[in-house]
Amino acid sequence: MEVTVEKNGVFDRQVIVRIPGGDVTSLLETEFARLSQSVRMPGFRQGKVPRRVLEGRFGSEVRASVAEQLFKGTYLKALE
């Protein structure tokens, strides 16, 4: 994790946090695997839904969940 703080004014700061792509990818893999085990979709056995189908149906929700987890996990560390 790389944190950069830019001064925009006397009381104004911009905090930029860069998270390695590998961390994001591994968290996405974990979330899709968890979802695959719990979701029930017509035409597929439970736990056997292909990732491509899951991404098409639940991709935006999973990405939002991963973004929220990453934000919660890195925000306090970045402020330190």
PDB file of N, CA and C in Angstrom:
ATOM      1  N   MET A   1       0.851  -1.167   0.000  1.00  0.00           N
ATOM      2  CA  MET A   1       0.000   0.000   0.000  1.00  0.00           C
ATOM      3  C   MET A   1       0.899   1.233   0.000  1.00  0.00           C
ATOM      4  N   GLU A   2       0.611   2.157  -0.876  1.00  0.00           N
ATOM      5  CA  GLU A   2       1.370   3.404  -0.987  1.00  0.00           C
ATOM      6  C   GLU A   2       0.428   4.571  -0.707  1.00  0.00           C
ATOM      7  N   VAL A   3       0.830   5.442   0.209  1.00  0.00           N
ATOM      8  CA  VAL A   3      -0.005   6.579   0.594  1.00  0.00           C
ATOM      9  C   VAL A   3       0.734   7.867   0.251  1.00  0.00           C
ATOM     10  N   THR A   4       0.039   8.779  -0.418  1.00  0.00           N
ATOM     11  CA  THR A   4       0.580  10.081  -0.761  1.00  0.00           C
ATOM     12  C   THR A   4      -0.390  11.142  -0.258  1.00  0.00           C
ATOM     13  N   VAL A   5       0.154  12.173   0.388  1.00  0.00           N
ATOM     14  CA  VAL A   5      -0.672  13.276   0.880  1.00  0.00           C
ATOM     15  C   VAL A   5      -0.252  14.538   0.147  1.00  0.00           C
ATOM     16  N   GLU A   6      -1.220  15.182  -0.499  1.00  0.00           N
ATOM     17  CA  GLU A   6      -0.959  16.425  -1.235  1.00  0.00           C
ATOM     18  C   GLU A   6      -1.652  17.576  -0.518  1.00  0.00           C
ATOM     19  N   LYS A   7      -0.923  18.669  -0.372  1.00  0.00           N
ATOM     20  CA  LYS A   7      -1.497  19.868   0.254  1.00  0.00           C
ATOM     21  C   LYS A   7      -2.158  20.715  -0.821  1.00  0.00           C
ATOM     22  N   ASN A   8      -3.451  20.987  -0.647  1.00  0.00           N
ATOM     23  CA  ASN A   8      -4.194  21.804  -1.595  1.00  0.00           C
ATOM     24  C   ASN A   8      -4.481  23.189  -1.048  1.00  0.00           C
ATOM     25  N   GLY A   9      -4.242  23.394   0.210  1.00  0.00           N
ATOM     26  CA  GLY A   9      -4.502  24.675   0.860  1.00  0.00           C
ATOM     27  C   GLY A   9      -4.021  24.591   2.294  1.00  0.00           C
ATOM     28  N   VAL A  10      -4.369  25.621   3.070  1.00  0.00           N
ATOM     29  CA  VAL A  10      -3.939  25.660   4.459  1.00  0.00           C
ATOM     30  C   VAL A  10      -4.542  24.489   5.246  1.00  0.00           C
ATOM     31  N   PHE A  11      -5.834  24.248   5.078  1.00  0.00           N
ATOM     32  CA  PHE A  11      -6.508  23.180   5.815  1.00  0.00           C
ATOM     33  C   PHE A  11      -7.022  22.066   4.899  1.00  0.00           C
ATOM     34  N   ASP A  12      -6.589  22.062   3.689  1.00  0.00           N
ATOM     35  CA  ASP A  12      -7.100  21.118   2.699  1.00  0.00           C
ATOM     36  C   ASP A  12      -5.997  20.138   2.296  1.00  0.00           C
ATOM     37  N   ARG A  13      -6.271  18.831   2.432  1.00  0.00           N
ATOM     38  CA  ARG A  13      -5.333  17.792   2.056  1.00  0.00           C
ATOM     39  C   ARG A  13      -6.050  16.768   1.194  1.00  0.00           C
ATOM     40  N   GLN A  14      -5.302  16.188   0.292  1.00  0.00           N
ATOM     41  CA  GLN A  14      -5.833  15.107  -0.535  1.00  0.00           C
ATOM     42  C   GLN A  14      -4.973  13.876  -0.262  1.00  0.00           C
ATOM     43  N   VAL A  15      -5.613  12.800   0.157  1.00  0.00           N
ATOM     44  CA  VAL A  15      -4.912  11.556   0.456  1.00  0.00           C
ATOM     45  C   VAL A  15      -5.148  10.584  -0.698  1.00  0.00           C
ATOM     46  N   ILE A  16      -4.060  10.118  -1.286  1.00  0.00           N
ATOM     47  CA  ILE A  16      -4.130   9.169  -2.396  1.00  0.00           C
ATOM     48  C   ILE A  16      -3.554   7.849  -1.908  1.00  0.00           C
ATOM     49  N   VAL A  17      -4.353   6.798  -1.992  1.00  0.00           N
ATOM     50  CA  VAL A  17      -3.931   5.470  -1.552  1.00  0.00           C
ATOM     51  C   VAL A  17      -3.884   4.565  -2.774  1.00  0.00           C
ATOM     52  N   ARG A  18      -2.739   3.933  -2.987  1.00  0.00           N
ATOM     53  CA  ARG A  18      -2.585   2.987  -4.096  1.00  0.00           C
ATOM     54  C   ARG A  18      -2.446   1.582  -3.503  1.00  0.00           C
ATOM     55  N   ILE A  19      -3.316   0.702  -3.957  1.00  0.00           N
ATOM     56  CA  ILE A  19      -3.323  -0.680  -3.489  1.00  0.00           C
ATOM     57  C   ILE A  19      -2.827  -1.546  -4.640  1.00  0.00           C
ATOM     58  N   PRO A  20      -1.885  -2.451  -4.388  1.00  0.00           N
ATOM     59  CA  PRO A  20      -1.372  -3.314  -5.455  1.00  0.00           C
ATOM     60  C   PRO A  20      -2.492  -4.116  -6.121  1.00  0.00           C
ATOM     61  N   GLY A  21      -2.376  -4.267  -7.430  1.00  0.00           N
ATOM     62  CA  GLY A  21      -3.392  -4.989  -8.187  1.00  0.00           C
ATOM     63  C   GLY A  21      -3.556  -6.430  -7.753  1.00  0.00           C
ATOM     64  N   GLY A  22      -2.476  -7.042  -7.295  1.00  0.00           N
ATOM     65  CA  GLY A  22      -2.555  -8.428  -6.832  1.00  0.00           C
ATOM     66  C   GLY A  22      -3.465  -8.582  -5.631  1.00  0.00           C
ATOM     67  N   ASP A  23      -3.453  -7.591  -4.743  1.00  0.00           N
ATOM     68  CA  ASP A  23      -4.334  -7.638  -3.575  1.00  0.00           C
ATOM     69  C   ASP A  23      -5.793  -7.557  -3.988  1.00  0.00           C
ATOM     70  N   VAL A  24      -6.079  -6.682  -4.940  1.00  0.00           N
ATOM     71  CA  VAL A  24      -7.460  -6.518  -5.418  1.00  0.00           C
ATOM     72  C   VAL A  24      -7.917  -7.792  -6.131  1.00  0.00           C
ATOM     73  N   THR A  25      -7.055  -8.341  -6.971  1.00  0.00           N
ATOM     74  CA  THR A  25      -7.402  -9.546  -7.725  1.00  0.00           C
ATOM     75  C   THR A  25      -7.662 -10.722  -6.792  1.00  0.00           C
ATOM     76  N   SER A  26      -6.809 -10.894  -5.788  1.00  0.00           N
ATOM     77  CA  SER A  26      -7.004 -12.024  -4.878  1.00  0.00           C
ATOM     78  C   SER A  26      -8.292 -11.871  -4.072  1.00  0.00           C
ATOM     79  N   LEU A  27      -8.626 -10.656  -3.686  1.00  0.00           N
ATOM     80  CA  LEU A  27      -9.878 -10.434  -2.960  1.00  0.00           C
ATOM     81  C   LEU A  27     -11.085 -10.683  -3.862  1.00  0.00           C
ATOM     82  N   LEU A  28     -10.999 -10.293  -5.120  1.00  0.00           N
ATOM     83  CA  LEU A  28     -12.081 -10.580  -6.067  1.00  0.00           C
ATOM     84  C   LEU A  28     -12.243 -12.089  -6.248  1.00  0.00           C
ATOM     85  N   GLU A  29     -11.133 -12.805  -6.396  1.00  0.00           N
ATOM     86  CA  GLU A  29     -11.185 -14.269  -6.542  1.00  0.00           C
ATOM     87  C   GLU A  29     -11.871 -14.896  -5.329  1.00  0.00           C
ATOM     88  N   THR A  30     -11.512 -14.441  -4.142  1.00  0.00           N
ATOM     89  CA  THR A  30     -12.089 -14.972  -2.913  1.00  0.00           C
ATOM     90  C   THR A  30     -13.587 -14.724  -2.858  1.00  0.00           C
ATOM     91  N   GLU A  31     -14.009 -13.512  -3.207  1.00  0.00           N
ATOM     92  CA  GLU A  31     -15.440 -13.183  -3.152  1.00  0.00           C
ATOM     93  C   GLU A  31     -16.247 -13.979  -4.179  1.00  0.00           C
ATOM     94  N   PHE A  32     -15.702 -14.146  -5.397  1.00  0.00           N
ATOM     95  CA  PHE A  32     -16.433 -14.929  -6.404  1.00  0.00           C
ATOM     96  C   PHE A  32     -16.488 -16.407  -6.002  1.00  0.00           C
ATOM     97  N   ALA A  33     -15.432 -16.929  -5.383  1.00  0.00           N
ATOM     98  CA  ALA A  33     -15.452 -18.318  -4.921  1.00  0.00           C
ATOM     99  C   ALA A  33     -16.485 -18.501  -3.814  1.00  0.00           C
ATOM    100  N   ARG A  34     -16.546 -17.532  -2.891  1.00  0.00           N
ATOM    101  CA  ARG A  34     -17.538 -17.595  -1.811  1.00  0.00           C
ATOM    102  C   ARG A  34     -18.948 -17.539  -2.387  1.00  0.00           C
ATOM    103  N   LEU A  35     -19.155 -16.647  -3.351  1.00  0.00           N
ATOM    104  CA  LEU A  35     -20.468 -16.506  -3.971  1.00  0.00           C
ATOM    105  C   LEU A  35     -20.849 -17.770  -4.736  1.00  0.00           C
ATOM    106  N   SER A  36     -19.893 -18.369  -5.415  1.00  0.00           N
ATOM    107  CA  SER A  36     -20.147 -19.571  -6.191  1.00  0.00           C
ATOM    108  C   SER A  36     -20.657 -20.707  -5.318  1.00  0.00           C
ATOM    109  N   GLN A  37     -20.171 -20.793  -4.102  1.00  0.00           N
ATOM    110  CA  GLN A  37     -20.587 -21.864  -3.202  1.00  0.00           C
ATOM    111  C   GLN A  37     -21.977 -21.647  -2.611  1.00  0.00           C
ATOM    112  N   SER A  38     -22.433 -20.404  -2.564  1.00  0.00           N
ATOM    113  CA  SER A  38     -23.696 -20.136  -1.887  1.00  0.00           C
ATOM    114  C   SER A  38     -24.866 -19.808  -2.811  1.00  0.00           C
ATOM    115  N   VAL A  39     -24.594 -19.439  -4.059  1.00  0.00           N
ATOM    116  CA  VAL A  39     -25.677 -18.999  -4.937  1.00  0.00           C
ATOM    117  C   VAL A  39     -26.367 -20.202  -5.594  1.00  0.00           C
ATOM    118  N   ARG A  40     -27.665 -20.057  -5.801  1.00  0.00           N
ATOM    119  CA  ARG A  40     -28.454 -21.070  -6.521  1.00  0.00           C
ATOM    120  C   ARG A  40     -28.981 -20.418  -7.793  1.00  0.00           C
ATOM    121  N   MET A  41     -28.636 -20.989  -8.932  1.00  0.00           N
ATOM    122  CA  MET A  41     -29.102 -20.472 -10.222  1.00  0.00           C
ATOM    123  C   MET A  41     -29.708 -21.610 -11.017  1.00  0.00           C
ATOM    124  N   PRO A  42     -30.798 -21.324 -11.717  1.00  0.00           N
ATOM    125  CA  PRO A  42     -31.427 -22.364 -12.534  1.00  0.00           C
ATOM    126  C   PRO A  42     -30.462 -22.861 -13.615  1.00  0.00           C
ATOM    127  N   GLY A  43     -30.415 -24.177 -13.776  1.00  0.00           N
ATOM    128  CA  GLY A  43     -29.565 -24.781 -14.796  1.00  0.00           C
ATOM    129  C   GLY A  43     -28.196 -25.181 -14.296  1.00  0.00           C
ATOM    130  N   PHE A  44     -27.868 -24.848 -13.058  1.00  0.00           N
ATOM    131  CA  PHE A  44     -26.564 -25.192 -12.494  1.00  0.00           C
ATOM    132  C   PHE A  44     -26.753 -25.803 -11.108  1.00  0.00           C
ATOM    133  N   ARG A  45     -25.882 -26.756 -10.794  1.00  0.00           N
ATOM    134  CA  ARG A  45     -25.873 -27.289  -9.436  1.00  0.00           C
ATOM    135  C   ARG A  45     -25.229 -26.264  -8.517  1.00  0.00           C
ATOM    136  N   GLN A  46     -25.609 -26.335  -7.235  1.00  0.00           N
ATOM    137  CA  GLN A  46     -25.041 -25.398  -6.273  1.00  0.00           C
ATOM    138  C   GLN A  46     -23.528 -25.638  -6.177  1.00  0.00           C
ATOM    139  N   GLY A  47     -22.775 -24.550  -6.270  1.00  0.00           N
ATOM    140  CA  GLY A  47     -21.320 -24.636  -6.225  1.00  0.00           C
ATOM    141  C   GLY A  47     -20.679 -24.868  -7.576  1.00  0.00           C
ATOM    142  N   LYS A  48     -21.465 -25.017  -8.629  1.00  0.00           N
ATOM    143  CA  LYS A  48     -20.939 -25.306  -9.964  1.00  0.00           C
ATOM    144  C   LYS A  48     -21.247 -24.218 -10.988  1.00  0.00           C
ATOM    145  N   VAL A  49     -21.642 -23.041 -10.539  1.00  0.00           N
ATOM    146  CA  VAL A  49     -21.949 -21.944 -11.452  1.00  0.00           C
ATOM    147  C   VAL A  49     -20.619 -21.375 -11.980  1.00  0.00           C
ATOM    148  N   PRO A  50     -20.455 -21.285 -13.305  1.00  0.00           N
ATOM    149  CA  PRO A  50     -19.204 -20.747 -13.857  1.00  0.00           C
ATOM    150  C   PRO A  50     -18.993 -19.281 -13.473  1.00  0.00           C
ATOM    151  N   ARG A  51     -17.734 -18.916 -13.328  1.00  0.00           N
ATOM    152  CA  ARG A  51     -17.413 -17.550 -12.912  1.00  0.00           C
ATOM    153  C   ARG A  51     -17.931 -16.533 -13.926  1.00  0.00           C
ATOM    154  N   ARG A  52     -17.859 -16.843 -15.195  1.00  0.00           N
ATOM    155  CA  ARG A  52     -18.329 -15.931 -16.241  1.00  0.00           C
ATOM    156  C   ARG A  52     -19.804 -15.575 -16.024  1.00  0.00           C
ATOM    157  N   VAL A  53     -20.600 -16.566 -15.630  1.00  0.00           N
ATOM    158  CA  VAL A  53     -22.025 -16.344 -15.369  1.00  0.00           C
ATOM    159  C   VAL A  53     -22.193 -15.488 -14.112  1.00  0.00           C
ATOM    160  N   LEU A  54     -21.400 -15.793 -13.088  1.00  0.00           N
ATOM    161  CA  LEU A  54     -21.473 -15.004 -11.854  1.00  0.00           C
ATOM    162  C   LEU A  54     -21.084 -13.554 -12.097  1.00  0.00           C
ATOM    163  N   GLU A  55     -20.031 -13.341 -12.898  1.00  0.00           N
ATOM    164  CA  GLU A  55     -19.595 -11.967 -13.193  1.00  0.00           C
ATOM    165  C   GLU A  55     -20.672 -11.202 -13.945  1.00  0.00           C
ATOM    166  N   GLY A  56     -21.348 -11.868 -14.860  1.00  0.00           N
ATOM    167  CA  GLY A  56     -22.404 -11.202 -15.603  1.00  0.00           C
ATOM    168  C   GLY A  56     -23.592 -10.835 -14.741  1.00  0.00           C
ATOM    169  N   ARG A  57     -23.910 -11.695 -13.799  1.00  0.00           N
ATOM    170  CA  ARG A  57     -25.099 -11.490 -12.975  1.00  0.00           C
ATOM    171  C   ARG A  57     -24.827 -10.663 -11.721  1.00  0.00           C
ATOM    172  N   PHE A  58     -23.697 -10.922 -11.062  1.00  0.00           N
ATOM    173  CA  PHE A  58     -23.415 -10.294  -9.774  1.00  0.00           C
ATOM    174  C   PHE A  58     -22.132  -9.463  -9.767  1.00  0.00           C
ATOM    175  N   GLY A  59     -21.544  -9.227 -10.924  1.00  0.00           N
ATOM    176  CA  GLY A  59     -20.243  -8.561 -10.995  1.00  0.00           C
ATOM    177  C   GLY A  59     -20.198  -7.200 -10.327  1.00  0.00           C
ATOM    178  N   SER A  60     -21.199  -6.366 -10.568  1.00  0.00           N
ATOM    179  CA  SER A  60     -21.176  -5.014  -9.994  1.00  0.00           C
ATOM    180  C   SER A  60     -21.305  -5.056  -8.473  1.00  0.00           C
ATOM    181  N   GLU A  61     -22.133  -5.976  -7.952  1.00  0.00           N
ATOM    182  CA  GLU A  61     -22.275  -6.077  -6.500  1.00  0.00           C
ATOM    183  C   GLU A  61     -20.988  -6.579  -5.848  1.00  0.00           C
ATOM    184  N   VAL A  62     -20.335  -7.547  -6.485  1.00  0.00           N
ATOM    185  CA  VAL A  62     -19.093  -8.091  -5.925  1.00  0.00           C
ATOM    186  C   VAL A  62     -17.995  -7.027  -5.948  1.00  0.00           C
ATOM    187  N   ARG A  63     -17.882  -6.295  -7.053  1.00  0.00           N
ATOM    188  CA  ARG A  63     -16.860  -5.243  -7.127  1.00  0.00           C
ATOM    189  C   ARG A  63     -17.125  -4.151  -6.098  1.00  0.00           C
ATOM    190  N   ALA A  64     -18.385  -3.797  -5.877  1.00  0.00           N
ATOM    191  CA  ALA A  64     -18.714  -2.798  -4.862  1.00  0.00           C
ATOM    192  C   ALA A  64     -18.371  -3.310  -3.467  1.00  0.00           C
ATOM    193  N   SER A  65     -18.638  -4.566  -3.204  1.00  0.00           N
ATOM    194  CA  SER A  65     -18.311  -5.161  -1.910  1.00  0.00           C
ATOM    195  C   SER A  65     -16.800  -5.183  -1.679  1.00  0.00           C
ATOM    196  N   VAL A  66     -16.045  -5.540  -2.709  1.00  0.00           N
ATOM    197  CA  VAL A  66     -14.580  -5.570  -2.605  1.00  0.00           C
ATOM    198  C   VAL A  66     -14.039  -4.165  -2.387  1.00  0.00           C
ATOM    199  N   ALA A  67     -14.578  -3.187  -3.098  1.00  0.00           N
ATOM    200  CA  ALA A  67     -14.132  -1.798  -2.914  1.00  0.00           C
ATOM    201  C   ALA A  67     -14.398  -1.333  -1.491  1.00  0.00           C
ATOM    202  N   GLU A  68     -15.554  -1.694  -0.947  1.00  0.00           N
ATOM    203  CA  GLU A  68     -15.887  -1.310   0.430  1.00  0.00           C
ATOM    204  C   GLU A  68     -14.947  -1.978   1.425  1.00  0.00           C
ATOM    205  N   GLN A  69     -14.657  -3.259   1.218  1.00  0.00           N
ATOM    206  CA  GLN A  69     -13.734  -3.973   2.109  1.00  0.00           C
ATOM    207  C   GLN A  69     -12.337  -3.362   2.055  1.00  0.00           C
ATOM    208  N   LEU A  70     -11.883  -3.024   0.848  1.00  0.00           N
ATOM    209  CA  LEU A  70     -10.563  -2.418   0.711  1.00  0.00           C
ATOM    210  C   LEU A  70     -10.521  -1.045   1.364  1.00  0.00           C
ATOM    211  N   PHE A  71     -11.588  -0.276   1.213  1.00  0.00           N
ATOM    212  CA  PHE A  71     -11.643   1.044   1.830  1.00  0.00           C
ATOM    213  C   PHE A  71     -11.591   0.937   3.345  1.00  0.00           C
ATOM    214  N   LYS A  72     -12.411   0.052   3.900  1.00  0.00           N
ATOM    215  CA  LYS A  72     -12.435  -0.110   5.350  1.00  0.00           C
ATOM    216  C   LYS A  72     -11.102  -0.615   5.883  1.00  0.00           C
ATOM    217  N   GLY A  73     -10.448  -1.489   5.136  1.00  0.00           N
ATOM    218  CA  GLY A  73      -9.201  -2.071   5.588  1.00  0.00           C
ATOM    219  C   GLY A  73      -8.005  -1.147   5.488  1.00  0.00           C
ATOM    220  N   THR A  74      -8.034  -0.201   4.552  1.00  0.00           N
ATOM    221  CA  THR A  74      -6.850   0.634   4.334  1.00  0.00           C
ATOM    222  C   THR A  74      -7.010   2.073   4.801  1.00  0.00           C
ATOM    223  N   TYR A  75      -8.205   2.521   5.043  1.00  0.00           N
ATOM    224  CA  TYR A  75      -8.438   3.925   5.381  1.00  0.00           C
ATOM    225  C   TYR A  75      -7.720   4.324   6.671  1.00  0.00           C
ATOM    226  N   LEU A  76      -7.918   3.557   7.725  1.00  0.00           N
ATOM    227  CA  LEU A  76      -7.289   3.907   9.006  1.00  0.00           C
ATOM    228  C   LEU A  76      -5.763   3.780   8.927  1.00  0.00           C
ATOM    229  N   LYS A  77      -5.269   2.779   8.195  1.00  0.00           N
ATOM    230  CA  LYS A  77      -3.826   2.640   8.018  1.00  0.00           C
ATOM    231  C   LYS A  77      -3.262   3.844   7.268  1.00  0.00           C
ATOM    232  N   ALA A  78      -4.000   4.319   6.284  1.00  0.00           N
ATOM    233  CA  ALA A  78      -3.538   5.466   5.493  1.00  0.00           C
ATOM    234  C   ALA A  78      -3.490   6.734   6.335  1.00  0.00           C
ATOM    235  N   LEU A  79      -4.434   6.894   7.231  1.00  0.00           N
ATOM    236  CA  LEU A  79      -4.464   8.091   8.069  1.00  0.00           C
ATOM    237  C   LEU A  79      -3.325   8.116   9.105  1.00  0.00           C
ATOM    238  N   GLU A  80      -2.847   6.940   9.469  1.00  0.00           N
ATOM    239  CA  GLU A  80      -1.732   6.892  10.421  1.00  0.00           C
ATOM    240  C   GLU A  80      -0.501   7.483   9.777  1.00  0.00           C
TER     241      GLU A  80
END
